[in-house]
Amino acid sequence: MAAMQKNEGVFKSVDGLKEEAIGRASAAYDAAQREAAELQEEVTRRAAQAASTFAAKLKAAGVDTDVMVEAAKDQAGALQRYLASEVKNRPVRALGVAAALGLVVGLLSSR
């Protein structure tokens, strides 16, 4: 009978430790999420400031950034249309190229 009471006490302390560990892990997870959100906001803010500063410097140098943006959009659209036609016309080749690129990216990222 005493052994059963001792085992029950052990199980209660294990359950207590488990609950404490879960609580601490949950608190650490919440803190990490808050920090990640703050870092994301800071990076976004600094990137926007850098882009604004860069655009201002380009305009001061006489470069029209609006024209550059339109040209980039046109080129991206043309590239997208070209890639779509290549995939339609040569699907096996496109699959092979995609597989090769995936392999290269996988090898580079594993280092």
Protein backbone atom coordinates (compact mmCIF):
# COMPACT_ATOMS: atom_id res chain seq x y z
CA MET A 1 0.00 0.00 0.00
CA ALA A 2 2.84 2.38 0.85
CA ALA A 3 4.51 1.56 -2.46
CA MET A 4 1.34 2.54 -4.36
CA GLN A 5 1.15 5.86 -2.52
CA LYS A 6 4.82 6.48 -3.28
CA ASN A 7 4.22 5.73 -6.99
CA GLU A 8 1.24 8.08 -7.04
CA GLY A 9 3.43 10.81 -5.55
CA VAL A 10 6.05 10.22 -8.22
CA PHE A 11 3.42 10.39 -10.97
CA LYS A 12 2.03 13.64 -9.54
CA SER A 13 5.51 15.19 -9.44
CA VAL A 14 6.20 14.00 -13.01
CA ASP A 15 2.89 15.50 -14.14
CA GLY A 16 3.79 18.73 -12.38
CA LEU A 17 7.18 18.82 -14.08
CA LYS A 18 5.56 18.11 -17.42
CA GLU A 19 3.08 20.96 -16.97
CA GLU A 20 5.88 23.30 -15.90
CA ALA A 21 7.95 22.35 -18.94
CA ILE A 22 4.97 22.90 -21.23
CA GLY A 23 4.34 26.29 -19.63
CA ARG A 24 7.96 27.36 -20.02
CA ALA A 25 8.12 26.13 -23.62
CA SER A 26 4.90 27.98 -24.42
CA ALA A 27 6.24 31.18 -22.86
CA ALA A 28 9.52 30.85 -24.77
CA TYR A 29 7.61 30.27 -28.01
CA ASP A 30 5.44 33.34 -27.41
CA ALA A 31 8.50 35.46 -26.64
CA ALA A 32 10.25 34.22 -29.79
CA GLN A 33 7.19 35.06 -31.88
CA ARG A 34 7.07 38.59 -30.45
CA GLU A 35 10.78 39.10 -31.09
CA ALA A 36 10.47 37.77 -34.65
CA ALA A 37 7.57 40.14 -35.34
CA GLU A 38 9.54 43.08 -33.95
CA LEU A 39 12.57 42.14 -36.06
CA GLN A 40 10.41 41.80 -39.16
CA GLU A 41 8.94 45.27 -38.57
CA GLU A 42 12.42 46.73 -38.05
CA VAL A 43 13.83 45.10 -41.20
CA THR A 44 10.83 46.26 -43.22
CA ARG A 45 11.18 49.80 -41.90
CA ARG A 46 14.92 49.93 -42.60
CA ALA A 47 14.48 48.46 -46.08
CA ALA A 48 11.85 51.08 -46.89
CA GLN A 49 14.18 53.81 -45.64
CA ALA A 50 17.07 52.44 -47.70
CA ALA A 51 14.91 52.21 -50.81
CA SER A 52 13.68 55.75 -50.29
CA THR A 53 17.20 57.06 -49.82
CA PHE A 54 18.44 55.16 -52.87
CA ALA A 55 15.57 56.45 -55.02
CA ALA A 56 16.25 60.01 -53.84
CA LYS A 57 19.94 59.66 -54.74
CA LEU A 58 19.06 58.28 -58.18
CA LYS A 59 16.65 61.15 -58.81
CA ALA A 60 19.29 63.65 -57.66
CA ALA A 61 21.68 62.09 -60.17
CA GLY A 62 19.10 62.59 -62.92
CA VAL A 63 17.83 59.02 -63.16
CA ASP A 64 14.07 58.71 -63.55
CA THR A 65 13.17 55.77 -61.32
CA ASP A 66 9.58 55.69 -62.55
CA VAL A 67 10.80 54.95 -66.08
CA MET A 68 13.12 52.26 -64.72
CA VAL A 69 10.23 50.62 -62.85
CA GLU A 70 8.06 50.57 -65.97
CA ALA A 71 10.89 49.13 -68.06
CA ALA A 72 11.50 46.42 -65.45
CA LYS A 73 7.78 45.55 -65.41
CA ASP A 74 7.73 45.29 -69.21
CA GLN A 75 10.80 43.05 -69.21
CA ALA A 76 9.39 40.85 -66.46
CA GLY A 77 6.14 40.47 -68.40
CA ALA A 78 8.01 39.56 -71.58
CA LEU A 79 10.12 37.02 -69.69
CA GLN A 80 7.00 35.51 -68.14
CA ARG A 81 5.35 35.13 -71.54
CA TYR A 82 8.52 33.57 -72.99
CA LEU A 83 8.82 31.07 -70.14
CA ALA A 84 5.14 30.13 -70.43
CA SER A 85 5.51 29.47 -74.16
CA GLU A 86 8.68 27.41 -73.62
CA VAL A 87 6.96 25.26 -70.99
CA LYS A 88 3.99 24.72 -73.32
CA ASN A 89 6.14 23.90 -76.33
CA ARG A 90 8.77 21.77 -74.56
CA PRO A 91 7.36 20.41 -71.29
CA VAL A 92 9.93 17.63 -70.87
CA ARG A 93 12.80 20.04 -71.37
CA ALA A 94 11.25 22.47 -68.86
CA LEU A 95 10.89 19.66 -66.34
CA GLY A 96 14.54 18.68 -66.83
CA VAL A 97 15.72 22.26 -66.37
CA ALA A 98 13.60 22.63 -63.23
CA ALA A 99 14.96 19.38 -61.82
CA ALA A 100 18.55 20.41 -62.55
CA LEU A 101 18.03 23.81 -60.93
CA GLY A 102 16.45 22.15 -57.91
CA LEU A 103 19.43 19.83 -57.60
CA VAL A 104 21.92 22.70 -57.81
CA VAL A 105 20.02 24.80 -55.27
CA GLY A 106 19.74 21.79 -52.97
CA LEU A 107 23.46 21.10 -53.19
CA LEU A 108 24.35 24.73 -52.55
CA SER A 109 21.98 25.08 -49.62
CA SER A 110 23.21 21.91 -47.95
CA ARG A 111 26.71 23.35 -47.55
